[in-house]
N, C-alpha and C. Protein backbone atom coordinates (compact mmCIF):
# COMPACT_ATOMS: atom_id res chain seq x y z
N UNK A 1 -81.80 -11.91 67.93
CA UNK A 1 -82.12 -12.64 66.65
C UNK A 1 -82.62 -13.99 66.78
N UNK A 2 -83.82 -14.17 66.16
CA UNK A 2 -84.59 -15.66 66.33
C UNK A 2 -83.70 -16.61 65.66
N UNK A 3 -83.89 -17.80 66.12
CA UNK A 3 -83.01 -18.86 65.42
C UNK A 3 -83.97 -19.35 64.33
N UNK A 4 -83.34 -19.88 63.25
CA UNK A 4 -83.98 -20.54 62.01
C UNK A 4 -83.91 -21.92 61.92
N UNK A 5 -84.99 -22.46 61.35
CA UNK A 5 -84.98 -23.88 61.03
C UNK A 5 -84.61 -23.87 59.30
N UNK A 6 -83.51 -24.32 58.90
CA UNK A 6 -83.13 -24.48 57.33
C UNK A 6 -83.29 -25.83 56.96
N UNK A 7 -84.03 -25.83 56.08
CA UNK A 7 -84.57 -27.04 55.42
C UNK A 7 -83.30 -27.50 54.09
N UNK A 8 -82.86 -28.81 54.16
CA UNK A 8 -81.95 -29.09 53.10
C UNK A 8 -82.50 -30.39 52.49
N UNK A 9 -82.42 -30.59 51.09
CA UNK A 9 -82.77 -31.75 50.64
C UNK A 9 -82.07 -31.83 49.07
N UNK A 10 -81.73 -33.10 48.94
CA UNK A 10 -80.90 -33.40 47.63
C UNK A 10 -81.44 -34.68 46.91
N UNK A 11 -81.88 -34.69 45.75
CA UNK A 11 -81.98 -35.84 44.66
C UNK A 11 -80.87 -35.79 43.62
N UNK A 12 -80.83 -37.11 43.43
CA UNK A 12 -79.33 -37.63 42.79
C UNK A 12 -79.28 -37.31 41.34
N UNK A 13 -80.50 -37.21 40.68
CA UNK A 13 -80.47 -36.78 39.38
C UNK A 13 -81.69 -35.78 39.15
N UNK A 14 -81.70 -34.74 37.93
CA UNK A 14 -82.65 -34.06 37.62
C UNK A 14 -84.05 -34.79 37.38
N UNK A 15 -83.99 -36.15 37.22
CA UNK A 15 -85.10 -37.19 36.97
C UNK A 15 -85.80 -37.29 38.18
N UNK A 16 -85.01 -37.43 39.40
CA UNK A 16 -85.95 -37.53 40.58
C UNK A 16 -86.73 -36.55 40.91
N UNK A 17 -87.67 -37.09 41.67
CA UNK A 17 -88.53 -35.76 42.31
C UNK A 17 -88.22 -35.39 43.67
N UNK A 18 -87.96 -34.44 44.06
CA UNK A 18 -87.72 -33.98 45.59
C UNK A 18 -88.95 -33.76 46.47
N UNK A 19 -90.37 -34.01 45.89
CA UNK A 19 -91.33 -33.51 46.42
C UNK A 19 -91.46 -34.35 47.90
N UNK A 20 -91.12 -35.81 47.96
CA UNK A 20 -91.29 -36.13 49.17
C UNK A 20 -90.49 -35.54 50.57
N UNK A 21 -89.16 -35.20 50.02
CA UNK A 21 -88.58 -34.66 51.00
C UNK A 21 -89.03 -33.12 51.24
N UNK A 22 -89.18 -32.63 50.18
CA UNK A 22 -90.19 -31.19 50.31
C UNK A 22 -91.11 -31.40 51.41
N UNK A 23 -91.75 -32.17 51.16
CA UNK A 23 -93.13 -32.38 52.01
C UNK A 23 -92.56 -32.56 53.44
N UNK A 24 -91.99 -33.52 53.64
CA UNK A 24 -91.36 -33.89 54.95
C UNK A 24 -90.60 -32.78 55.78
N UNK A 25 -89.92 -31.96 54.64
CA UNK A 25 -89.23 -30.87 55.70
C UNK A 25 -90.31 -29.48 55.98
N UNK A 26 -91.36 -29.40 54.95
CA UNK A 26 -92.22 -28.33 55.34
C UNK A 26 -93.03 -28.84 56.44
N UNK A 27 -93.26 -30.23 56.58
CA UNK A 27 -93.84 -30.74 57.85
C UNK A 27 -93.34 -30.40 59.18
N UNK A 28 -91.94 -30.29 58.85
CA UNK A 28 -91.00 -30.44 60.20
C UNK A 28 -90.70 -28.88 60.45
N UNK A 29 -91.67 -27.85 59.92
CA UNK A 29 -91.66 -26.48 60.15
C UNK A 29 -90.39 -26.00 59.90
N UNK A 30 -89.83 -25.97 58.57
CA UNK A 30 -88.45 -25.27 58.22
C UNK A 30 -88.76 -23.78 57.94
N UNK A 31 -88.21 -23.08 58.05
CA UNK A 31 -88.41 -21.47 57.77
C UNK A 31 -87.88 -21.17 56.21
N UNK A 32 -86.85 -21.86 55.77
CA UNK A 32 -86.34 -21.95 54.72
C UNK A 32 -86.09 -23.16 54.01
N UNK A 33 -86.31 -23.31 52.69
CA UNK A 33 -86.00 -24.84 52.13
C UNK A 33 -84.97 -24.58 50.87
N UNK A 34 -84.08 -25.43 50.88
CA UNK A 34 -82.87 -25.40 49.91
C UNK A 34 -82.97 -26.93 49.11
N UNK A 35 -83.04 -26.94 47.78
CA UNK A 35 -83.02 -28.29 47.25
C UNK A 35 -82.04 -28.31 46.17
N UNK A 36 -81.17 -29.28 46.05
CA UNK A 36 -80.24 -29.64 45.09
C UNK A 36 -80.77 -30.75 44.31
N UNK A 37 -80.28 -30.49 42.90
CA UNK A 37 -80.58 -31.76 42.08
C UNK A 37 -79.43 -32.15 41.39
N UNK A 38 -78.29 -32.53 42.13
CA UNK A 38 -77.17 -32.98 41.92
C UNK A 38 -76.80 -34.20 42.30
N UNK A 39 -75.72 -34.89 41.77
CA UNK A 39 -75.29 -36.27 42.52
C UNK A 39 -74.46 -35.89 43.61
N UNK A 40 -74.51 -36.59 44.64
CA UNK A 40 -73.89 -36.31 45.76
C UNK A 40 -72.31 -36.31 45.77
N UNK A 41 -71.89 -36.84 44.69
CA UNK A 41 -70.42 -36.84 44.70
C UNK A 41 -69.79 -35.94 44.10
N UNK A 42 -70.54 -34.80 43.71
CA UNK A 42 -70.13 -33.37 43.04
C UNK A 42 -69.78 -32.70 44.24
N UNK A 43 -68.54 -31.96 44.28
CA UNK A 43 -67.98 -31.29 45.23
C UNK A 43 -68.95 -30.15 45.65
N UNK A 44 -69.21 -29.26 44.52
CA UNK A 44 -69.85 -28.14 44.65
C UNK A 44 -71.57 -28.32 44.67
N UNK A 45 -72.41 -28.17 45.58
CA UNK A 45 -73.77 -28.34 45.39
C UNK A 45 -74.37 -26.69 45.75
N UNK A 46 -74.53 -25.98 44.62
CA UNK A 46 -75.24 -24.38 44.92
C UNK A 46 -76.12 -24.31 46.11
N UNK A 47 -77.22 -24.99 46.03
CA UNK A 47 -78.35 -24.88 47.06
C UNK A 47 -77.63 -25.31 48.72
N UNK A 48 -76.82 -26.36 48.75
CA UNK A 48 -76.23 -26.70 49.92
C UNK A 48 -75.33 -25.37 50.57
N UNK A 49 -74.53 -24.85 49.24
CA UNK A 49 -73.71 -23.65 49.63
C UNK A 49 -74.33 -22.46 50.08
N UNK A 50 -75.65 -22.20 49.71
CA UNK A 50 -76.54 -21.22 50.12
C UNK A 50 -76.89 -21.46 51.52
N UNK A 51 -77.42 -22.63 51.55
CA UNK A 51 -78.04 -22.99 53.11
C UNK A 51 -77.05 -23.02 54.16
N UNK A 52 -75.86 -23.61 53.71
CA UNK A 52 -74.62 -23.46 54.87
C UNK A 52 -74.29 -22.12 55.04
N UNK A 53 -74.29 -21.00 54.13
CA UNK A 53 -74.05 -19.87 54.32
C UNK A 53 -75.07 -19.09 55.28
N UNK A 54 -76.46 -19.58 55.23
CA UNK A 54 -77.29 -18.81 55.97
C UNK A 54 -77.49 -19.16 57.65
N UNK A 55 -76.77 -20.43 57.95
CA UNK A 55 -76.50 -21.09 59.19
C UNK A 55 -75.93 -20.32 60.28
N UNK A 56 -76.70 -19.78 61.17
CA UNK A 56 -75.95 -19.11 62.26
C UNK A 56 -76.22 -19.64 63.84
N UNK A 57 -75.46 -19.03 64.79
CA UNK A 57 -75.58 -19.95 66.03
C UNK A 57 -77.31 -19.77 66.43
N UNK A 58 -77.44 -21.25 67.05
CA UNK A 58 -78.89 -21.20 67.21
C UNK A 58 -79.79 -22.13 66.37
N UNK A 59 -79.43 -21.86 65.08
CA UNK A 59 -80.05 -22.43 63.89
C UNK A 59 -80.06 -23.87 63.97
N UNK A 60 -81.02 -24.38 63.26
CA UNK A 60 -80.98 -25.90 62.93
C UNK A 60 -81.20 -26.24 61.55
N UNK A 61 -80.46 -26.99 61.21
CA UNK A 61 -80.32 -27.75 59.66
C UNK A 61 -81.22 -28.81 59.68
N UNK A 62 -82.27 -28.88 58.93
CA UNK A 62 -83.29 -30.05 58.98
C UNK A 62 -83.03 -30.72 57.82
N UNK A 63 -82.95 -32.07 57.75
CA UNK A 63 -82.84 -32.90 56.46
C UNK A 63 -83.76 -34.06 57.00
N UNK A 64 -83.82 -34.80 55.79
CA UNK A 64 -84.88 -36.20 56.10
C UNK A 64 -83.90 -37.19 56.45
N UNK A 65 -82.86 -37.42 55.64
CA UNK A 65 -81.89 -38.40 56.17
C UNK A 65 -80.24 -37.94 55.77
N UNK A 66 -79.54 -39.06 56.47
CA UNK A 66 -78.14 -38.16 56.73
C UNK A 66 -77.62 -38.40 54.88
N UNK A 67 -78.11 -39.33 54.25
CA UNK A 67 -77.39 -39.68 52.81
C UNK A 67 -77.95 -38.38 51.77
N UNK A 68 -78.87 -37.63 52.50
CA UNK A 68 -79.37 -36.78 51.50
C UNK A 68 -78.42 -35.50 51.64
N UNK A 69 -77.70 -35.35 52.71
CA UNK A 69 -76.74 -34.44 53.02
C UNK A 69 -75.20 -34.39 52.68
N UNK A 70 -74.60 -35.50 52.88
CA UNK A 70 -73.42 -35.74 52.92
C UNK A 70 -73.07 -36.88 51.84
N UNK A 71 -71.69 -36.98 51.27
CA UNK A 71 -71.33 -37.83 50.34
C UNK A 71 -70.58 -38.91 51.04
N UNK A 72 -70.32 -38.84 52.07
CA UNK A 72 -69.25 -39.66 52.79
C UNK A 72 -69.30 -39.49 54.20
N UNK A 73 -68.57 -40.49 55.05
CA UNK A 73 -68.61 -40.23 56.46
C UNK A 73 -67.75 -39.09 56.69
N UNK A 74 -66.72 -38.99 56.01
CA UNK A 74 -65.90 -37.66 56.10
C UNK A 74 -66.63 -36.45 55.94
N UNK A 75 -67.25 -36.46 54.76
CA UNK A 75 -68.18 -35.41 54.32
C UNK A 75 -69.38 -35.09 55.39
N UNK A 76 -69.63 -36.09 56.03
CA UNK A 76 -70.65 -35.79 57.05
C UNK A 76 -70.01 -35.19 58.22
N UNK A 77 -68.96 -35.85 58.64
CA UNK A 77 -68.20 -35.29 59.82
C UNK A 77 -67.82 -34.12 59.70
N UNK A 78 -67.20 -33.61 58.60
CA UNK A 78 -66.87 -32.25 58.26
C UNK A 78 -67.95 -31.13 58.33
N UNK A 79 -69.17 -31.82 57.99
CA UNK A 79 -70.43 -30.90 57.86
C UNK A 79 -70.84 -30.94 59.35
N UNK A 80 -70.68 -32.04 60.17
CA UNK A 80 -71.01 -31.75 61.83
C UNK A 80 -69.99 -30.78 62.34
N UNK A 81 -68.68 -30.99 61.83
CA UNK A 81 -67.82 -29.91 62.44
C UNK A 81 -68.17 -28.72 62.26
N UNK A 82 -68.57 -28.14 61.07
CA UNK A 82 -68.82 -27.03 60.52
C UNK A 82 -70.13 -26.37 61.30
N UNK A 83 -71.08 -27.51 61.53
CA UNK A 83 -72.31 -26.98 62.45
C UNK A 83 -71.90 -26.81 63.59
N UNK A 84 -71.03 -27.46 64.35
CA UNK A 84 -70.57 -27.23 65.53
C UNK A 84 -69.78 -25.83 65.93
N UNK A 85 -69.12 -25.69 64.55
CA UNK A 85 -68.09 -24.39 64.74
C UNK A 85 -68.91 -23.13 64.66
N UNK A 86 -70.25 -23.31 63.93
CA UNK A 86 -71.04 -22.12 63.80
C UNK A 86 -72.30 -21.99 64.72
N UNK A 87 -72.18 -23.03 65.50
CA UNK A 87 -73.30 -23.35 66.76
C UNK A 87 -74.38 -23.48 66.32
N UNK A 88 -74.69 -24.34 65.10
CA UNK A 88 -75.98 -24.79 64.56
C UNK A 88 -76.13 -26.19 65.13
N UNK A 89 -77.19 -26.63 65.00
CA UNK A 89 -77.78 -28.09 65.27
C UNK A 89 -78.16 -28.88 63.91
N UNK A 90 -78.24 -30.14 64.13
CA UNK A 90 -78.72 -30.85 62.90
C UNK A 90 -80.10 -31.86 63.38
N UNK A 91 -80.97 -32.01 62.45
CA UNK A 91 -82.07 -32.62 62.78
C UNK A 91 -82.28 -33.30 61.55
N UNK A 92 -82.30 -35.04 61.31
CA UNK A 92 -82.70 -35.70 60.36
C UNK A 92 -84.02 -36.29 60.83
N UNK A 93 -85.06 -36.00 60.05
CA UNK A 93 -86.38 -36.49 60.46
C UNK A 93 -86.97 -37.83 60.23
N UNK A 94 -86.30 -38.60 59.38
CA UNK A 94 -86.43 -39.80 59.44
C UNK A 94 -85.68 -40.81 59.91
N UNK A 95 -84.49 -40.15 60.68
CA UNK A 95 -83.50 -40.96 61.42
C UNK A 95 -83.73 -40.66 62.82
N UNK A 96 -84.47 -39.88 63.21
CA UNK A 96 -84.35 -39.37 64.61
C UNK A 96 -83.24 -39.08 65.15
N UNK A 97 -82.53 -38.27 64.29
CA UNK A 97 -81.18 -37.67 65.09
C UNK A 97 -81.39 -36.03 65.14
N UNK A 98 -80.99 -35.86 66.62
CA UNK A 98 -81.15 -34.65 66.95
C UNK A 98 -79.93 -34.11 67.56
N UNK A 99 -78.92 -33.41 66.99
CA UNK A 99 -77.64 -33.23 67.62
C UNK A 99 -77.55 -32.06 68.61
N UNK A 100 -78.67 -31.60 69.28
CA UNK A 100 -79.06 -30.96 70.55
C UNK A 100 -78.67 -31.63 71.79
N UNK A 101 -78.69 -33.04 71.53
CA UNK A 101 -78.72 -33.93 72.81
C UNK A 101 -77.37 -34.71 72.38
N UNK A 102 -76.92 -35.11 73.75
CA UNK A 102 -75.22 -35.87 73.58
C UNK A 102 -75.98 -37.27 72.63
N UNK A 103 -76.85 -37.89 72.95
CA UNK A 103 -77.38 -39.11 72.30
C UNK A 103 -77.55 -38.96 70.94
N UNK A 104 -78.07 -37.85 70.30
CA UNK A 104 -78.07 -37.47 68.96
C UNK A 104 -76.66 -37.28 68.50
N UNK A 105 -75.92 -36.74 69.02
CA UNK A 105 -74.55 -36.32 68.40
C UNK A 105 -74.09 -37.87 68.19
N UNK A 106 -74.13 -38.79 69.43
CA UNK A 106 -73.23 -40.08 69.28
C UNK A 106 -74.12 -40.76 68.09
N UNK A 107 -75.40 -40.91 68.10
CA UNK A 107 -76.04 -41.75 66.81
C UNK A 107 -75.55 -41.32 65.66
N UNK A 108 -75.50 -39.73 65.57
CA UNK A 108 -75.24 -38.95 64.28
C UNK A 108 -73.97 -39.83 63.70
N UNK A 109 -72.74 -39.73 64.77
CA UNK A 109 -71.70 -40.44 64.21
C UNK A 109 -71.66 -41.67 63.71
N UNK A 110 -72.22 -42.70 64.66
CA UNK A 110 -72.45 -44.02 64.26
C UNK A 110 -73.19 -44.11 62.88
N UNK A 111 -74.33 -43.53 62.79
CA UNK A 111 -74.72 -43.90 61.34
C UNK A 111 -73.85 -43.54 60.30
N UNK A 112 -73.45 -42.37 60.42
CA UNK A 112 -72.18 -41.89 59.30
C UNK A 112 -71.32 -42.92 59.43
N UNK A 113 -70.73 -43.63 60.16
CA UNK A 113 -69.67 -44.53 60.29
C UNK A 113 -70.23 -45.78 59.56
N UNK A 114 -71.26 -46.14 59.94
CA UNK A 114 -72.02 -47.32 59.39
C UNK A 114 -72.17 -47.19 57.80
N UNK A 115 -72.68 -45.92 57.38
CA UNK A 115 -72.89 -45.79 55.97
C UNK A 115 -71.54 -45.75 55.34
N UNK A 116 -70.39 -45.16 55.78
CA UNK A 116 -69.12 -45.29 55.20
C UNK A 116 -68.70 -46.77 55.10
N UNK A 117 -68.88 -47.68 56.22
CA UNK A 117 -68.56 -49.14 56.01
C UNK A 117 -69.24 -49.82 55.10
N UNK A 118 -70.58 -49.51 54.80
CA UNK A 118 -71.32 -50.23 53.88
C UNK A 118 -70.93 -49.84 52.39
N UNK A 119 -70.41 -48.72 52.21
CA UNK A 119 -70.03 -48.26 50.91
C UNK A 119 -68.44 -48.79 50.64
N UNK A 120 -67.76 -48.91 51.69
CA UNK A 120 -66.36 -49.58 51.45
C UNK A 120 -66.62 -50.94 51.11
N UNK A 121 -67.60 -51.93 51.98
CA UNK A 121 -67.75 -53.03 51.58
C UNK A 121 -68.17 -53.36 50.42
N UNK A 122 -69.16 -52.40 49.46
CA UNK A 122 -69.54 -52.51 48.35
C UNK A 122 -68.51 -52.39 47.35
N UNK A 123 -67.55 -51.55 47.74
CA UNK A 123 -66.29 -51.18 46.75
C UNK A 123 -65.50 -52.22 47.04
N UNK A 124 -65.32 -53.22 47.98
CA UNK A 124 -64.34 -54.14 48.10
C UNK A 124 -64.65 -55.35 47.16
N UNK A 125 -66.28 -55.62 47.59
CA UNK A 125 -67.01 -56.55 46.58
C UNK A 125 -66.62 -56.42 45.17
N UNK A 126 -67.08 -55.24 44.58
CA UNK A 126 -66.63 -54.79 43.45
C UNK A 126 -65.29 -55.32 42.75
N UNK A 127 -64.36 -54.76 43.73
CA UNK A 127 -62.80 -54.99 43.20
C UNK A 127 -62.78 -56.49 43.26
N UNK A 128 -63.22 -57.10 44.26
CA UNK A 128 -63.09 -58.77 44.26
C UNK A 128 -63.70 -59.49 43.12
N UNK A 129 -64.73 -58.95 42.48
CA UNK A 129 -65.43 -59.22 41.28
C UNK A 129 -64.81 -59.00 40.23
N UNK A 130 -64.15 -57.99 40.03
CA UNK A 130 -63.11 -57.69 38.81
C UNK A 130 -62.23 -58.26 38.91
N UNK A 131 -61.37 -58.65 40.06
CA UNK A 131 -60.19 -59.27 39.97
C UNK A 131 -60.57 -60.79 39.60
N UNK A 132 -61.60 -61.33 40.06
CA UNK A 132 -61.90 -62.79 39.67
C UNK A 132 -62.18 -62.82 38.28
N UNK A 133 -62.81 -61.82 37.69
CA UNK A 133 -63.01 -61.64 36.24
C UNK A 133 -61.57 -61.71 35.41
N UNK A 134 -60.82 -60.92 35.85
CA UNK A 134 -59.39 -60.97 35.41
C UNK A 134 -58.83 -62.21 35.47
N UNK A 135 -58.77 -62.81 36.55
CA UNK A 135 -58.19 -64.08 36.75
C UNK A 135 -58.93 -65.22 35.92
N UNK A 136 -60.23 -65.07 35.18
CA UNK A 136 -60.59 -65.90 34.15
C UNK A 136 -60.24 -65.28 32.89
N UNK A 137 -59.64 -64.26 32.62
CA UNK A 137 -59.31 -63.71 31.32
C UNK A 137 -60.06 -62.65 30.78
N UNK A 138 -60.84 -62.24 31.70
CA UNK A 138 -62.00 -61.31 30.93
C UNK A 138 -61.50 -59.92 31.80
N UNK A 139 -61.10 -58.97 30.67
CA UNK A 139 -60.68 -57.76 31.20
C UNK A 139 -61.92 -56.68 31.15
N UNK A 140 -61.99 -55.68 31.92
CA UNK A 140 -62.99 -54.82 32.00
C UNK A 140 -62.49 -53.68 30.77
N UNK A 141 -63.63 -52.78 30.42
CA UNK A 141 -63.17 -51.78 29.84
C UNK A 141 -63.67 -51.98 28.32
N UNK A 142 -63.43 -51.02 27.60
CA UNK A 142 -63.89 -50.96 26.14
C UNK A 142 -63.22 -52.16 25.43
N UNK A 143 -63.99 -52.89 24.43
CA UNK A 143 -63.47 -53.73 23.45
C UNK A 143 -62.60 -52.92 22.27
N UNK A 144 -61.52 -53.46 22.01
CA UNK A 144 -60.59 -52.75 21.02
C UNK A 144 -61.16 -52.91 19.61
N UNK A 145 -61.21 -51.87 18.99
CA UNK A 145 -61.75 -51.87 17.45
C UNK A 145 -60.87 -52.33 16.54
N UNK A 146 -59.47 -52.52 17.11
CA UNK A 146 -58.64 -52.95 16.07
C UNK A 146 -58.21 -54.68 16.60
N UNK A 147 -58.46 -55.49 15.51
CA UNK A 147 -58.07 -57.00 15.76
C UNK A 147 -56.80 -56.96 15.53
N UNK A 148 -56.15 -58.10 15.99
CA UNK A 148 -54.69 -58.69 15.49
C UNK A 148 -54.33 -58.19 14.14
N UNK A 149 -55.15 -58.74 13.40
CA UNK A 149 -55.10 -58.49 11.56
C UNK A 149 -55.07 -57.15 11.35
N UNK A 150 -55.93 -56.25 11.96
CA UNK A 150 -56.05 -54.83 11.58
C UNK A 150 -54.69 -54.10 11.98
N UNK A 151 -54.20 -54.37 13.29
CA UNK A 151 -52.89 -54.12 13.72
C UNK A 151 -51.69 -54.23 12.61
N UNK A 152 -51.67 -55.55 12.27
CA UNK A 152 -50.79 -56.19 11.29
C UNK A 152 -50.84 -55.27 9.93
N UNK A 153 -52.03 -55.03 9.54
CA UNK A 153 -52.40 -54.22 8.15
C UNK A 153 -51.89 -52.77 8.82
N UNK A 154 -52.00 -52.47 9.54
CA UNK A 154 -51.77 -50.88 9.79
C UNK A 154 -50.01 -50.88 9.85
N UNK A 155 -49.30 -51.77 10.35
CA UNK A 155 -47.87 -51.76 10.50
C UNK A 155 -47.30 -51.94 9.04
N UNK A 156 -48.06 -52.74 8.34
CA UNK A 156 -47.60 -52.87 6.96
C UNK A 156 -47.73 -51.65 6.26
N UNK A 157 -48.73 -51.33 6.19
CA UNK A 157 -49.11 -49.86 5.47
C UNK A 157 -48.10 -48.73 6.01
N UNK A 158 -48.03 -48.60 7.38
CA UNK A 158 -47.32 -47.68 7.81
C UNK A 158 -45.69 -47.85 7.28
N UNK A 159 -45.23 -48.73 7.39
CA UNK A 159 -44.02 -49.14 6.79
C UNK A 159 -43.72 -48.81 5.41
N UNK A 160 -44.96 -48.88 4.78
CA UNK A 160 -44.92 -48.61 3.28
C UNK A 160 -44.84 -47.26 2.72
N UNK A 161 -45.23 -46.33 3.95
CA UNK A 161 -45.09 -44.88 3.86
C UNK A 161 -46.51 -44.34 4.09
N UNK A 162 -47.44 -44.82 4.14
CA UNK A 162 -48.89 -44.47 4.36
C UNK A 162 -48.83 -43.43 5.79
N UNK A 163 -49.44 -42.41 5.61
CA UNK A 163 -49.75 -41.20 6.71
C UNK A 163 -50.52 -41.82 7.70
N UNK A 164 -50.00 -41.43 9.13
CA UNK A 164 -50.76 -41.78 10.15
C UNK A 164 -52.22 -41.27 10.20
N UNK A 165 -52.68 -40.18 9.73
CA UNK A 165 -54.02 -39.63 9.76
C UNK A 165 -54.65 -40.48 8.45
N UNK A 166 -54.14 -40.88 7.43
CA UNK A 166 -54.83 -41.85 6.41
C UNK A 166 -55.18 -43.01 7.18
N UNK A 167 -54.13 -43.64 8.01
CA UNK A 167 -54.65 -44.87 8.47
C UNK A 167 -55.87 -44.74 9.50
N UNK A 168 -55.79 -43.74 10.28
CA UNK A 168 -56.84 -43.40 11.27
C UNK A 168 -58.12 -43.42 10.55
N UNK A 169 -58.05 -42.53 9.52
CA UNK A 169 -59.35 -42.40 8.89
C UNK A 169 -59.93 -43.77 8.24
N UNK A 170 -58.94 -44.46 7.56
CA UNK A 170 -59.45 -45.54 6.93
C UNK A 170 -59.77 -46.82 8.09
N UNK A 171 -59.14 -46.91 9.16
CA UNK A 171 -59.47 -47.78 10.28
C UNK A 171 -60.70 -47.39 11.26
N UNK A 172 -60.98 -45.98 11.04
CA UNK A 172 -62.12 -45.37 11.82
C UNK A 172 -61.60 -45.28 13.36
N UNK A 173 -60.37 -44.91 13.51
CA UNK A 173 -59.78 -44.84 14.89
C UNK A 173 -59.07 -43.35 15.10
N UNK A 174 -58.86 -43.07 16.26
CA UNK A 174 -57.80 -41.95 16.38
C UNK A 174 -56.48 -42.06 16.04
N UNK A 175 -55.87 -40.93 15.81
CA UNK A 175 -54.47 -41.15 15.55
C UNK A 175 -53.56 -41.57 16.75
N UNK A 176 -53.91 -41.45 17.74
CA UNK A 176 -53.29 -42.11 19.16
C UNK A 176 -53.44 -43.65 19.27
N UNK A 177 -54.69 -43.91 18.64
CA UNK A 177 -54.60 -45.59 18.61
C UNK A 177 -53.75 -46.13 17.67
N UNK A 178 -53.61 -45.31 16.45
CA UNK A 178 -52.74 -45.89 15.53
C UNK A 178 -51.44 -45.81 16.02
N UNK A 179 -50.97 -44.64 16.59
CA UNK A 179 -49.37 -44.72 17.37
C UNK A 179 -49.33 -45.95 18.33
N UNK A 180 -50.23 -45.98 19.06
CA UNK A 180 -50.26 -47.25 20.01
C UNK A 180 -50.28 -48.39 19.53
N UNK A 181 -51.04 -48.83 18.45
CA UNK A 181 -50.81 -50.16 17.58
C UNK A 181 -49.61 -50.24 17.02
N UNK A 182 -48.75 -49.11 16.83
CA UNK A 182 -47.46 -49.41 16.21
C UNK A 182 -46.53 -49.70 17.27
N UNK A 183 -46.59 -49.46 18.56
CA UNK A 183 -45.81 -49.66 19.76
C UNK A 183 -45.93 -51.03 20.02
N UNK A 184 -47.07 -51.69 19.89
CA UNK A 184 -47.42 -52.91 20.52
C UNK A 184 -46.15 -53.89 19.88
């Protein structure tokens, strides 16, 4: 059985156009091409599942860049382990990665680690920014529909016997919001 070159690409949203990836993969002489239009954070990517199922010993998975394949370093390393398990290789055309060589395997691992490090640093900076905002009295999230005066009105009306649903309708909030306002 002849080995195949299986091409895979992914764009994050249905608005994005996969043509540049498609052109690069066709230029790399893939035998079959699979394109997902899903965010990388989704666990299931239908075209990836099909491409993965087609990979056999000696086949090569061809992508343009690692970020088009995996969602995280762990995901990329899991994919690399799967490729090794089935005996398939990986080529990333834009990053000169070719796991048929020891250098390619090392480079793949290093690039994946740096990508995960960058993501972790972005997350840490975001958390630091949120903590600084909270320290200055700014909390994230949606602004409450109920002012302190409205909460006082709800309590007064509830204690006077008005039904929770009636209060929710009047103040244009959900019943759980009414219940939370009565607990405060």
